[in-house]
PDB file of N, CA and C in Angstrom:
ATOM      1  N   MET A   1      -1.947  19.702  13.576  1.00  0.00           N
ATOM      2  CA  MET A   1      -2.334  18.755  12.557  1.00  0.00           C
ATOM      3  C   MET A   1      -1.110  18.183  11.842  1.00  0.00           C
ATOM      4  N   ASP A   2      -0.012  18.930  11.856  1.00  0.00           N
ATOM      5  CA  ASP A   2       1.208  18.447  11.222  1.00  0.00           C
ATOM      6  C   ASP A   2       1.741  17.205  11.925  1.00  0.00           C
ATOM      7  N   ILE A   3       1.591  17.149  13.232  1.00  0.00           N
ATOM      8  CA  ILE A   3       2.068  15.982  13.976  1.00  0.00           C
ATOM      9  C   ILE A   3       1.246  14.749  13.612  1.00  0.00           C
ATOM     10  N   VAL A   4      -0.062  14.894  13.531  1.00  0.00           N
ATOM     11  CA  VAL A   4      -0.937  13.780  13.150  1.00  0.00           C
ATOM     12  C   VAL A   4      -0.594  13.313  11.743  1.00  0.00           C
ATOM     13  N   PHE A   5      -0.413  14.259  10.828  1.00  0.00           N
ATOM     14  CA  PHE A   5      -0.065  13.920   9.452  1.00  0.00           C
ATOM     15  C   PHE A   5       1.253  13.154   9.416  1.00  0.00           C
ATOM     16  N   GLY A   6       2.244  13.627  10.180  1.00  0.00           N
ATOM     17  CA  GLY A   6       3.540  12.960  10.219  1.00  0.00           C
ATOM     18  C   GLY A   6       3.461  11.547  10.772  1.00  0.00           C
ATOM     19  N   ILE A   7       2.695  11.361  11.827  1.00  0.00           N
ATOM     20  CA  ILE A   7       2.539  10.025  12.419  1.00  0.00           C
ATOM     21  C   ILE A   7       1.843   9.090  11.439  1.00  0.00           C
ATOM     22  N   LEU A   8       0.791   9.585  10.791  1.00  0.00           N
ATOM     23  CA  LEU A   8       0.085   8.764   9.797  1.00  0.00           C
ATOM     24  C   LEU A   8       0.996   8.414   8.624  1.00  0.00           C
ATOM     25  N   LEU A   9       1.825   9.360   8.205  1.00  0.00           N
ATOM     26  CA  LEU A   9       2.745   9.104   7.100  1.00  0.00           C
ATOM     27  C   LEU A   9       3.756   8.021   7.469  1.00  0.00           C
ATOM     28  N   VAL A  10       4.284   8.081   8.680  1.00  0.00           N
ATOM     29  CA  VAL A  10       5.232   7.040   9.130  1.00  0.00           C
ATOM     30  C   VAL A  10       4.544   5.677   9.155  1.00  0.00           C
ATOM     31  N   LEU A  11       3.337   5.613   9.699  1.00  0.00           N
ATOM     32  CA  LEU A  11       2.606   4.337   9.735  1.00  0.00           C
ATOM     33  C   LEU A  11       2.296   3.839   8.328  1.00  0.00           C
ATOM     34  N   HIS A  12       1.954   4.748   7.429  1.00  0.00           N
ATOM     35  CA  HIS A  12       1.665   4.393   6.043  1.00  0.00           C
ATOM     36  C   HIS A  12       2.897   3.775   5.374  1.00  0.00           C
ATOM     37  N   LEU A  13       4.032   4.430   5.544  1.00  0.00           N
ATOM     38  CA  LEU A  13       5.260   3.913   4.944  1.00  0.00           C
ATOM     39  C   LEU A  13       5.680   2.584   5.560  1.00  0.00           C
ATOM     40  N   LEU A  14       5.508   2.444   6.869  1.00  0.00           N
ATOM     41  CA  LEU A  14       5.825   1.172   7.519  1.00  0.00           C
ATOM     42  C   LEU A  14       4.909   0.057   7.025  1.00  0.00           C
ATOM     43  N   GLY A  15       3.638   0.378   6.795  1.00  0.00           N
ATOM     44  CA  GLY A  15       2.705  -0.615   6.261  1.00  0.00           C
ATOM     45  C   GLY A  15       3.156  -1.129   4.903  1.00  0.00           C
ATOM     46  N   TRP A  16       3.534  -0.209   4.000  1.00  0.00           N
ATOM     47  CA  TRP A  16       4.008  -0.636   2.687  1.00  0.00           C
ATOM     48  C   TRP A  16       5.334  -1.380   2.786  1.00  0.00           C
ATOM     49  N   ALA A  17       6.184  -1.000   3.741  1.00  0.00           N
ATOM     50  CA  ALA A  17       7.453  -1.709   3.931  1.00  0.00           C
ATOM     51  C   ALA A  17       7.208  -3.149   4.362  1.00  0.00           C
ATOM     52  N   VAL A  18       6.241  -3.364   5.231  1.00  0.00           N
ATOM     53  CA  VAL A  18       5.896  -4.719   5.666  1.00  0.00           C
ATOM     54  C   VAL A  18       5.375  -5.534   4.487  1.00  0.00           C
ATOM     55  N   VAL A  19       4.547  -4.920   3.663  1.00  0.00           N
ATOM     56  CA  VAL A  19       4.007  -5.626   2.491  1.00  0.00           C
ATOM     57  C   VAL A  19       5.140  -6.025   1.557  1.00  0.00           C
ATOM     58  N   LEU A  20       5.991  -5.079   1.209  1.00  0.00           N
ATOM     59  CA  LEU A  20       7.077  -5.371   0.272  1.00  0.00           C
ATOM     60  C   LEU A  20       8.075  -6.363   0.867  1.00  0.00           C
ATOM     61  N   GLY A  21       8.471  -6.138   2.099  1.00  0.00           N
ATOM     62  CA  GLY A  21       9.432  -7.045   2.733  1.00  0.00           C
ATOM     63  C   GLY A  21       8.898  -8.453   2.904  1.00  0.00           C
ATOM     64  N   GLY A  22       7.667  -8.568   3.392  1.00  0.00           N
ATOM     65  CA  GLY A  22       7.067  -9.885   3.578  1.00  0.00           C
ATOM     66  C   GLY A  22       6.851 -10.631   2.279  1.00  0.00           C
ATOM     67  N   THR A  23       6.620  -9.893   1.221  1.00  0.00           N
ATOM     68  CA  THR A  23       6.419 -10.513  -0.092  1.00  0.00           C
ATOM     69  C   THR A  23       7.744 -10.975  -0.681  1.00  0.00           C
ATOM     70  N   VAL A  24       8.746 -10.124  -0.637  1.00  0.00           N
ATOM     71  CA  VAL A  24      10.043 -10.464  -1.222  1.00  0.00           C
ATOM     72  C   VAL A  24      10.696 -11.621  -0.473  1.00  0.00           C
ATOM     73  N   VAL A  25      10.538 -11.668   0.836  1.00  0.00           N
ATOM     74  CA  VAL A  25      11.126 -12.748   1.634  1.00  0.00           C
ATOM     75  C   VAL A  25      10.563 -14.106   1.233  1.00  0.00           C
ATOM     76  N   ASN A  26       9.308 -14.146   0.843  1.00  0.00           N
ATOM     77  CA  ASN A  26       8.655 -15.424   0.533  1.00  0.00           C
ATOM     78  C   ASN A  26       8.638 -15.766  -0.952  1.00  0.00           C
ATOM     79  N   LEU A  27       9.454 -15.129  -1.770  1.00  0.00           N
ATOM     80  CA  LEU A  27       9.460 -15.437  -3.197  1.00  0.00           C
ATOM     81  C   LEU A  27       9.954 -16.858  -3.496  1.00  0.00           C
ATOM     82  N   ARG A  28      10.881 -17.384  -2.708  1.00  0.00           N
ATOM     83  CA  ARG A  28      11.389 -18.744  -2.955  1.00  0.00           C
ATOM     84  C   ARG A  28      10.366 -19.816  -2.614  1.00  0.00           C
ATOM     85  N   THR A  29       9.676 -19.637  -1.518  1.00  0.00           N
ATOM     86  CA  THR A  29       8.606 -20.563  -1.138  1.00  0.00           C
ATOM     87  C   THR A  29       7.313 -19.766  -1.125  1.00  0.00           C
ATOM     88  N   PRO A  30       6.602 -19.731  -2.250  1.00  0.00           N
ATOM     89  CA  PRO A  30       5.449 -18.838  -2.391  1.00  0.00           C
ATOM     90  C   PRO A  30       4.399 -19.012  -1.298  1.00  0.00           C
ATOM     91  N   ALA A  31       4.255 -17.972  -0.502  1.00  0.00           N
ATOM     92  CA  ALA A  31       3.238 -17.914   0.549  1.00  0.00           C
ATOM     93  C   ALA A  31       3.104 -16.460   0.981  1.00  0.00           C
ATOM     94  N   ILE A  32       1.938 -16.131   1.491  1.00  0.00           N
ATOM     95  CA  ILE A  32       1.719 -14.787   2.029  1.00  0.00           C
ATOM     96  C   ILE A  32       2.093 -14.824   3.511  1.00  0.00           C
ATOM     97  N   ALA A  33       3.061 -14.005   3.893  1.00  0.00           N
ATOM     98  CA  ALA A  33       3.442 -13.933   5.305  1.00  0.00           C
ATOM     99  C   ALA A  33       2.281 -13.340   6.105  1.00  0.00           C
ATOM    100  N   LYS A  34       2.168 -13.751   7.354  1.00  0.00           N
ATOM    101  CA  LYS A  34       1.051 -13.309   8.193  1.00  0.00           C
ATOM    102  C   LYS A  34       1.015 -11.791   8.361  1.00  0.00           C
ATOM    103  N   GLY A  35       2.145 -11.164   8.462  1.00  0.00           N
ATOM    104  CA  GLY A  35       2.192  -9.734   8.677  1.00  0.00           C
ATOM    105  C   GLY A  35       1.810  -8.905   7.461  1.00  0.00           C
ATOM    106  N   VAL A  36       1.833  -9.507   6.280  1.00  0.00           N
ATOM    107  CA  VAL A  36       1.535  -8.765   5.059  1.00  0.00           C
ATOM    108  C   VAL A  36       0.092  -8.270   5.059  1.00  0.00           C
ATOM    109  N   LEU A  37      -0.827  -9.065   5.542  1.00  0.00           N
ATOM    110  CA  LEU A  37      -2.223  -8.634   5.612  1.00  0.00           C
ATOM    111  C   LEU A  37      -2.367  -7.421   6.533  1.00  0.00           C
ATOM    112  N   HIS A  38      -1.707  -7.458   7.671  1.00  0.00           N
ATOM    113  CA  HIS A  38      -1.761  -6.332   8.596  1.00  0.00           C
ATOM    114  C   HIS A  38      -1.093  -5.096   7.987  1.00  0.00           C
ATOM    115  N   GLY A  39       0.010  -5.310   7.283  1.00  0.00           N
ATOM    116  CA  GLY A  39       0.707  -4.195   6.649  1.00  0.00           C
ATOM    117  C   GLY A  39      -0.125  -3.519   5.577  1.00  0.00           C
ATOM    118  N   VAL A  40      -0.786  -4.320   4.736  1.00  0.00           N
ATOM    119  CA  VAL A  40      -1.575  -3.728   3.654  1.00  0.00           C
ATOM    120  C   VAL A  40      -2.807  -3.017   4.201  1.00  0.00           C
ATOM    121  N   LEU A  41      -3.406  -3.555   5.247  1.00  0.00           N
ATOM    122  CA  LEU A  41      -4.563  -2.879   5.841  1.00  0.00           C
ATOM    123  C   LEU A  41      -4.138  -1.579   6.532  1.00  0.00           C
ATOM    124  N   THR A  42      -2.982  -1.596   7.179  1.00  0.00           N
ATOM    125  CA  THR A  42      -2.446  -0.373   7.789  1.00  0.00           C
ATOM    126  C   THR A  42      -2.178   0.676   6.719  1.00  0.00           C
ATOM    127  N   ALA A  43      -1.542   0.265   5.623  1.00  0.00           N
ATOM    128  CA  ALA A  43      -1.237   1.199   4.544  1.00  0.00           C
ATOM    129  C   ALA A  43      -2.513   1.755   3.919  1.00  0.00           C
ATOM    130  N   LEU A  44      -3.516   0.917   3.734  1.00  0.00           N
ATOM    131  CA  LEU A  44      -4.769   1.362   3.121  1.00  0.00           C
ATOM    132  C   LEU A  44      -5.498   2.371   4.008  1.00  0.00           C
ATOM    133  N   VAL A  45      -5.665   2.044   5.269  1.00  0.00           N
ATOM    134  CA  VAL A  45      -6.402   2.922   6.185  1.00  0.00           C
ATOM    135  C   VAL A  45      -5.663   4.240   6.401  1.00  0.00           C
ATOM    136  N   THR A  46      -4.358   4.167   6.627  1.00  0.00           N
ATOM    137  CA  THR A  46      -3.610   5.406   6.843  1.00  0.00           C
ATOM    138  C   THR A  46      -3.527   6.230   5.560  1.00  0.00           C
ATOM    139  N   GLY A  47      -3.493   5.574   4.408  1.00  0.00           N
ATOM    140  CA  GLY A  47      -3.488   6.302   3.137  1.00  0.00           C
ATOM    141  C   GLY A  47      -4.765   7.085   2.924  1.00  0.00           C
ATOM    142  N   ILE A  48      -5.892   6.475   3.254  1.00  0.00           N
ATOM    143  CA  ILE A  48      -7.173   7.175   3.145  1.00  0.00           C
ATOM    144  C   ILE A  48      -7.217   8.366   4.107  1.00  0.00           C
ATOM    145  N   ALA A  49      -6.721   8.159   5.319  1.00  0.00           N
ATOM    146  CA  ALA A  49      -6.683   9.258   6.291  1.00  0.00           C
ATOM    147  C   ALA A  49      -5.750  10.370   5.825  1.00  0.00           C
ATOM    148  N   LEU A  50      -4.598  10.018   5.283  1.00  0.00           N
ATOM    149  CA  LEU A  50      -3.663  11.019   4.769  1.00  0.00           C
ATOM    150  C   LEU A  50      -4.279  11.818   3.624  1.00  0.00           C
ATOM    151  N   ALA A  51      -4.987  11.138   2.737  1.00  0.00           N
ATOM    152  CA  ALA A  51      -5.627  11.830   1.620  1.00  0.00           C
ATOM    153  C   ALA A  51      -6.669  12.820   2.131  1.00  0.00           C
ATOM    154  N   GLY A  52      -7.416  12.425   3.143  1.00  0.00           N
ATOM    155  CA  GLY A  52      -8.411  13.323   3.719  1.00  0.00           C
ATOM    156  C   GLY A  52      -7.788  14.541   4.357  1.00  0.00           C
ATOM    157  N   ILE A  53      -6.722  14.333   5.107  1.00  0.00           N
ATOM    158  CA  ILE A  53      -6.050  15.453   5.761  1.00  0.00           C
ATOM    159  C   ILE A  53      -5.403  16.371   4.727  1.00  0.00           C
ATOM    160  N   ALA A  54      -4.734  15.782   3.735  1.00  0.00           N
ATOM    161  CA  ALA A  54      -4.058  16.586   2.720  1.00  0.00           C
ATOM    162  C   ALA A  54      -5.047  17.374   1.870  1.00  0.00           C
ATOM    163  N   SER A  55      -6.201  16.808   1.622  1.00  0.00           N
ATOM    164  CA  SER A  55      -7.207  17.480   0.797  1.00  0.00           C
ATOM    165  C   SER A  55      -7.952  18.563   1.558  1.00  0.00           C
ATOM    166  N   SER A  56      -7.901  18.539   2.871  1.00  0.00           N
ATOM    167  CA  SER A  56      -8.641  19.523   3.659  1.00  0.00           C
ATOM    168  C   SER A  56      -7.911  20.853   3.789  1.00  0.00           C
ATOM    169  N   GLY A  57      -6.656  20.899   3.354  1.00  0.00           N
ATOM    170  CA  GLY A  57      -5.882  22.135   3.451  1.00  0.00           C
ATOM    171  C   GLY A  57      -6.209  23.082   2.317  1.00  0.00           C
ATOM    172  N   SER A  58      -5.286  23.993   2.050  1.00  0.00           N
ATOM    173  CA  SER A  58      -5.496  24.957   0.965  1.00  0.00           C
ATOM    174  C   SER A  58      -5.411  24.253  -0.382  1.00  0.00           C
ATOM    175  N   ASP A  59      -5.977  24.882  -1.407  1.00  0.00           N
ATOM    176  CA  ASP A  59      -5.985  24.287  -2.735  1.00  0.00           C
ATOM    177  C   ASP A  59      -4.591  24.160  -3.327  1.00  0.00           C
ATOM    178  N   ASP A  60      -3.669  25.017  -2.907  1.00  0.00           N
ATOM    179  CA  ASP A  60      -2.310  24.956  -3.435  1.00  0.00           C
ATOM    180  C   ASP A  60      -1.578  23.708  -2.974  1.00  0.00           C
ATOM    181  N   ASP A  61      -1.861  23.249  -1.761  1.00  0.00           N
ATOM    182  CA  ASP A  61      -1.180  22.091  -1.198  1.00  0.00           C
ATOM    183  C   ASP A  61      -1.908  20.779  -1.444  1.00  0.00           C
ATOM    184  N   ALA A  62      -3.125  20.835  -1.946  1.00  0.00           N
ATOM    185  CA  ALA A  62      -3.946  19.632  -2.110  1.00  0.00           C
ATOM    186  C   ALA A  62      -3.363  18.738  -3.208  1.00  0.00           C
ATOM    187  N   PRO A  63      -3.315  17.442  -2.958  1.00  0.00           N
ATOM    188  CA  PRO A  63      -2.813  16.521  -3.982  1.00  0.00           C
ATOM    189  C   PRO A  63      -3.814  16.395  -5.128  1.00  0.00           C
ATOM    190  N   SER A  64      -3.304  15.968  -6.261  1.00  0.00           N
ATOM    191  CA  SER A  64      -4.144  15.794  -7.447  1.00  0.00           C
ATOM    192  C   SER A  64      -5.175  14.690  -7.197  1.00  0.00           C
ATOM    193  N   PRO A  65      -6.448  14.947  -7.513  1.00  0.00           N
ATOM    194  CA  PRO A  65      -7.461  13.894  -7.350  1.00  0.00           C
ATOM    195  C   PRO A  65      -7.167  12.669  -8.221  1.00  0.00           C
ATOM    196  N   ALA A  66      -6.572  12.884  -9.379  1.00  0.00           N
ATOM    197  CA  ALA A  66      -6.218  11.751 -10.245  1.00  0.00           C
ATOM    198  C   ALA A  66      -5.141  10.889  -9.581  1.00  0.00           C
ATOM    199  N   LYS A  67      -4.165  11.538  -8.967  1.00  0.00           N
ATOM    200  CA  LYS A  67      -3.106  10.808  -8.263  1.00  0.00           C
ATOM    201  C   LYS A  67      -3.697   9.992  -7.118  1.00  0.00           C
ATOM    202  N   LEU A  68      -4.576  10.602  -6.349  1.00  0.00           N
ATOM    203  CA  LEU A  68      -5.204   9.887  -5.235  1.00  0.00           C
ATOM    204  C   LEU A  68      -6.027   8.709  -5.735  1.00  0.00           C
ATOM    205  N   ALA A  69      -6.712   8.888  -6.858  1.00  0.00           N
ATOM    206  CA  ALA A  69      -7.525   7.799  -7.412  1.00  0.00           C
ATOM    207  C   ALA A  69      -6.649   6.644  -7.869  1.00  0.00           C
ATOM    208  N   VAL A  70      -5.550   6.954  -8.544  1.00  0.00           N
ATOM    209  CA  VAL A  70      -4.634   5.900  -9.004  1.00  0.00           C
ATOM    210  C   VAL A  70      -4.060   5.147  -7.815  1.00  0.00           C
ATOM    211  N   LYS A  71      -3.612   5.895  -6.805  1.00  0.00           N
ATOM    212  CA  LYS A  71      -3.039   5.248  -5.622  1.00  0.00           C
ATOM    213  C   LYS A  71      -4.068   4.387  -4.894  1.00  0.00           C
ATOM    214  N   LEU A  72      -5.314   4.857  -4.814  1.00  0.00           N
ATOM    215  CA  LEU A  72      -6.356   4.084  -4.148  1.00  0.00           C
ATOM    216  C   LEU A  72      -6.659   2.801  -4.909  1.00  0.00           C
ATOM    217  N   VAL A  73      -6.758   2.884  -6.226  1.00  0.00           N
ATOM    218  CA  VAL A  73      -7.047   1.683  -7.026  1.00  0.00           C
ATOM    219  C   VAL A  73      -5.926   0.662  -6.879  1.00  0.00           C
ATOM    220  N   VAL A  74      -4.680   1.114  -6.957  1.00  0.00           N
ATOM    221  CA  VAL A  74      -3.545   0.189  -6.803  1.00  0.00           C
ATOM    222  C   VAL A  74      -3.551  -0.421  -5.401  1.00  0.00           C
ATOM    223  N   ALA A  75      -3.807   0.389  -4.384  1.00  0.00           N
ATOM    224  CA  ALA A  75      -3.842  -0.127  -3.014  1.00  0.00           C
ATOM    225  C   ALA A  75      -4.976  -1.146  -2.831  1.00  0.00           C
ATOM    226  N   LEU A  76      -6.119  -0.891  -3.437  1.00  0.00           N
ATOM    227  CA  LEU A  76      -7.238  -1.841  -3.341  1.00  0.00           C
ATOM    228  C   LEU A  76      -6.924  -3.149  -4.060  1.00  0.00           C
ATOM    229  N   VAL A  77      -6.235  -3.074  -5.199  1.00  0.00           N
ATOM    230  CA  VAL A  77      -5.847  -4.296  -5.912  1.00  0.00           C
ATOM    231  C   VAL A  77      -4.855  -5.099  -5.079  1.00  0.00           C
ATOM    232  N   VAL A  78      -3.869  -4.432  -4.508  1.00  0.00           N
ATOM    233  CA  VAL A  78      -2.897  -5.125  -3.648  1.00  0.00           C
ATOM    234  C   VAL A  78      -3.609  -5.744  -2.446  1.00  0.00           C
ATOM    235  N   THR A  79      -4.516  -5.010  -1.841  1.00  0.00           N
ATOM    236  CA  THR A  79      -5.275  -5.535  -0.694  1.00  0.00           C
ATOM    237  C   THR A  79      -6.071  -6.765  -1.103  1.00  0.00           C
ATOM    238  N   GLY A  80      -6.718  -6.692  -2.244  1.00  0.00           N
ATOM    239  CA  GLY A  80      -7.476  -7.843  -2.731  1.00  0.00           C
ATOM    240  C   GLY A  80      -6.592  -9.058  -2.968  1.00  0.00           C
ATOM    241  N   LEU A  81      -5.435  -8.850  -3.584  1.00  0.00           N
ATOM    242  CA  LEU A  81      -4.508  -9.960  -3.819  1.00  0.00           C
ATOM    243  C   LEU A  81      -4.033 -10.580  -2.507  1.00  0.00           C
ATOM    244  N   VAL A  82      -3.735  -9.743  -1.541  1.00  0.00           N
ATOM    245  CA  VAL A  82      -3.264 -10.261  -0.250  1.00  0.00           C
ATOM    246  C   VAL A  82      -4.377 -11.027   0.463  1.00  0.00           C
ATOM    247  N   VAL A  83      -5.588 -10.495   0.454  1.00  0.00           N
ATOM    248  CA  VAL A  83      -6.702 -11.172   1.123  1.00  0.00           C
ATOM    249  C   VAL A  83      -6.979 -12.516   0.468  1.00  0.00           C
ATOM    250  N   VAL A  84      -7.017 -12.554  -0.866  1.00  0.00           N
ATOM    251  CA  VAL A  84      -7.263 -13.821  -1.571  1.00  0.00           C
ATOM    252  C   VAL A  84      -6.122 -14.797  -1.308  1.00  0.00           C
ATOM    253  N   GLY A  85      -4.885 -14.307  -1.341  1.00  0.00           N
ATOM    254  CA  GLY A  85      -3.740 -15.175  -1.086  1.00  0.00           C
ATOM    255  C   GLY A  85      -3.697 -15.706   0.332  1.00  0.00           C
ATOM    256  N   THR A  86      -4.232 -14.942   1.269  1.00  0.00           N
ATOM    257  CA  THR A  86      -4.282 -15.389   2.659  1.00  0.00           C
ATOM    258  C   THR A  86      -5.362 -16.451   2.843  1.00  0.00           C
ATOM    259  N   ARG A  87      -6.498 -16.255   2.201  1.00  0.00           N
ATOM    260  CA  ARG A  87      -7.606 -17.207   2.353  1.00  0.00           C
ATOM    261  C   ARG A  87      -7.434 -18.461   1.516  1.00  0.00           C
ATOM    262  N   ARG A  88      -6.752 -18.347   0.383  1.00  0.00           N
ATOM    263  CA  ARG A  88      -6.545 -19.500  -0.503  1.00  0.00           C
ATOM    264  C   ARG A  88      -5.069 -19.628  -0.831  1.00  0.00           C
ATOM    265  N   PRO A  89      -4.286 -20.142   0.107  1.00  0.00           N
ATOM    266  CA  PRO A  89      -2.826 -20.190  -0.077  1.00  0.00           C
ATOM    267  C   PRO A  89      -2.377 -21.047  -1.262  1.00  0.00           C
ATOM    268  N   GLU A  90      -3.215 -21.951  -1.722  1.00  0.00           N
ATOM    269  CA  GLU A  90      -2.832 -22.790  -2.865  1.00  0.00           C
ATOM    270  C   GLU A  90      -2.739 -21.981  -4.165  1.00  0.00           C
ATOM    271  N   LYS A  91      -3.347 -20.810  -4.210  1.00  0.00           N
ATOM    272  CA  LYS A  91      -3.304 -19.952  -5.399  1.00  0.00           C
ATOM    273  C   LYS A  91      -2.031 -19.117  -5.476  1.00  0.00           C
ATOM    274  N   VAL A  92      -1.282 -19.030  -4.392  1.00  0.00           N
ATOM    275  CA  VAL A  92      -0.105 -18.153  -4.342  1.00  0.00           C
ATOM    276  C   VAL A  92       1.061 -18.809  -5.073  1.00  0.00           C
ATOM    277  N   THR A  93       1.562 -18.106  -6.075  1.00  0.00           N
ATOM    278  CA  THR A  93       2.735 -18.543  -6.836  1.00  0.00           C
ATOM    279  C   THR A  93       3.781 -17.433  -6.776  1.00  0.00           C
ATOM    280  N   THR A  94       4.924 -17.704  -7.368  1.00  0.00           N
ATOM    281  CA  THR A  94       5.961 -16.676  -7.418  1.00  0.00           C
ATOM    282  C   THR A  94       5.471 -15.468  -8.210  1.00  0.00           C
ATOM    283  N   GLY A  95       4.754 -15.699  -9.288  1.00  0.00           N
ATOM    284  CA  GLY A  95       4.198 -14.602 -10.075  1.00  0.00           C
ATOM    285  C   GLY A  95       3.173 -13.797  -9.295  1.00  0.00           C
ATOM    286  N   TYR A  96       2.394 -14.483  -8.498  1.00  0.00           N
ATOM    287  CA  TYR A  96       1.389 -13.825  -7.652  1.00  0.00           C
ATOM    288  C   TYR A  96       2.069 -12.875  -6.678  1.00  0.00           C
ATOM    289  N   LEU A  97       3.139 -13.361  -6.040  1.00  0.00           N
ATOM    290  CA  LEU A  97       3.895 -12.512  -5.115  1.00  0.00           C
ATOM    291  C   LEU A  97       4.610 -11.395  -5.865  1.00  0.00           C
ATOM    292  N   GLY A  98       5.068 -11.689  -7.087  1.00  0.00           N
ATOM    293  CA  GLY A  98       5.696 -10.658  -7.910  1.00  0.00           C
ATOM    294  C   GLY A  98       4.727  -9.543  -8.253  1.00  0.00           C
ATOM    295  N   ALA A  99       3.466  -9.905  -8.487  1.00  0.00           N
ATOM    296  CA  ALA A  99       2.445  -8.888  -8.763  1.00  0.00           C
ATOM    297  C   ALA A  99       2.224  -8.000  -7.547  1.00  0.00           C
ATOM    298  N   ILE A 100       2.171  -8.610  -6.373  1.00  0.00           N
ATOM    299  CA  ILE A 100       1.995  -7.821  -5.147  1.00  0.00           C
ATOM    300  C   ILE A 100       3.183  -6.879  -4.953  1.00  0.00           C
ATOM    301  N   ALA A 101       4.394  -7.407  -5.113  1.00  0.00           N
ATOM    302  CA  ALA A 101       5.595  -6.577  -4.933  1.00  0.00           C
ATOM    303  C   ALA A 101       5.655  -5.483  -5.994  1.00  0.00           C
ATOM    304  N   GLY A 102       5.361  -5.811  -7.233  1.00  0.00           N
ATOM    305  CA  GLY A 102       5.406  -4.828  -8.311  1.00  0.00           C
ATOM    306  C   GLY A 102       4.394  -3.708  -8.130  1.00  0.00           C
ATOM    307  N   LEU A 103       3.185  -4.074  -7.727  1.00  0.00           N
ATOM    308  CA  LEU A 103       2.158  -3.058  -7.496  1.00  0.00           C
ATOM    309  C   LEU A 103       2.486  -2.193  -6.281  1.00  0.00           C
ATOM    310  N   THR A 104       3.122  -2.786  -5.287  1.00  0.00           N
ATOM    311  CA  THR A 104       3.540  -2.012  -4.116  1.00  0.00           C
ATOM    312  C   THR A 104       4.586  -0.976  -4.513  1.00  0.00           C
ATOM    313  N   VAL A 105       5.561  -1.391  -5.296  1.00  0.00           N
ATOM    314  CA  VAL A 105       6.585  -0.462  -5.771  1.00  0.00           C
ATOM    315  C   VAL A 105       5.958   0.600  -6.674  1.00  0.00           C
ATOM    316  N   THR A 106       4.996   0.201  -7.502  1.00  0.00           N
ATOM    317  CA  THR A 106       4.289   1.159  -8.348  1.00  0.00           C
ATOM    318  C   THR A 106       3.582   2.208  -7.521  1.00  0.00           C
ATOM    319  N   ASN A 107       2.924   1.789  -6.442  1.00  0.00           N
ATOM    320  CA  ASN A 107       2.214   2.736  -5.586  1.00  0.00           C
ATOM    321  C   ASN A 107       3.180   3.731  -4.941  1.00  0.00           C
ATOM    322  N   VAL A 108       4.308   3.253  -4.499  1.00  0.00           N
ATOM    323  CA  VAL A 108       5.309   4.145  -3.902  1.00  0.00           C
ATOM    324  C   VAL A 108       5.862   5.088  -4.963  1.00  0.00           C
ATOM    325  N   ALA A 109       6.112   4.572  -6.168  1.00  0.00           N
ATOM    326  CA  ALA A 109       6.634   5.406  -7.254  1.00  0.00           C
ATOM    327  C   ALA A 109       5.646   6.506  -7.638  1.00  0.00           C
ATOM    328  N   VAL A 110       4.371   6.168  -7.696  1.00  0.00           N
ATOM    329  CA  VAL A 110       3.351   7.183  -8.001  1.00  0.00           C
ATOM    330  C   VAL A 110       3.365   8.275  -6.926  1.00  0.00           C
ATOM    331  N   ALA A 111       3.490   7.872  -5.674  1.00  0.00           N
ATOM    332  CA  ALA A 111       3.510   8.842  -4.583  1.00  0.00           C
ATOM    333  C   ALA A 111       4.690   9.798  -4.694  1.00  0.00           C
ATOM    334  N   VAL A 112       5.831   9.264  -5.062  1.00  0.00           N
ATOM    335  CA  VAL A 112       7.049  10.068  -5.077  1.00  0.00           C
ATOM    336  C   VAL A 112       7.211  10.863  -6.377  1.00  0.00           C
ATOM    337  N   LEU A 113       6.904  10.241  -7.512  1.00  0.00           N
ATOM    338  CA  LEU A 113       7.228  10.845  -8.798  1.00  0.00           C
ATOM    339  C   LEU A 113       6.118  11.714  -9.393  1.00  0.00           C
ATOM    340  N   TRP A 114       4.876  11.495  -9.018  1.00  0.00           N
ATOM    341  CA  TRP A 114       3.773  12.280  -9.588  1.00  0.00           C
ATOM    342  C   TRP A 114       3.690  13.605  -8.846  1.00  0.00           C
ATOM    343  N   ARG A 115       3.996  14.669  -9.530  1.00  0.00           N
ATOM    344  CA  ARG A 115       3.963  16.009  -8.928  1.00  0.00           C
ATOM    345  C   ARG A 115       2.933  16.859  -9.606  1.00  0.00           C
TER     346      ARG A 115
END
């Protein structure tokens, strides 16, 4: 199960990297890059799978339910912003992309700093 967890973790991190990179690259000409939607969906699905695997172990190793809830809400907000920005590109501004990038960094920070 450690191998599956490791593979999912790599895919999860790559998904968030695509979201952050694709967003930062397009800050000058506000638009959602095509790969950002795929990255956020990859991060969301693998994050849910990681939470399930991590929670199925012993109670000592299980992540905090509050941490998982915060990360899920932030991931859902980022996913919603990306989906809306993809379907309605006229709504995408520099601030809109800044919100996506900021929330992505927030999600990573919560993962790393919340112990």
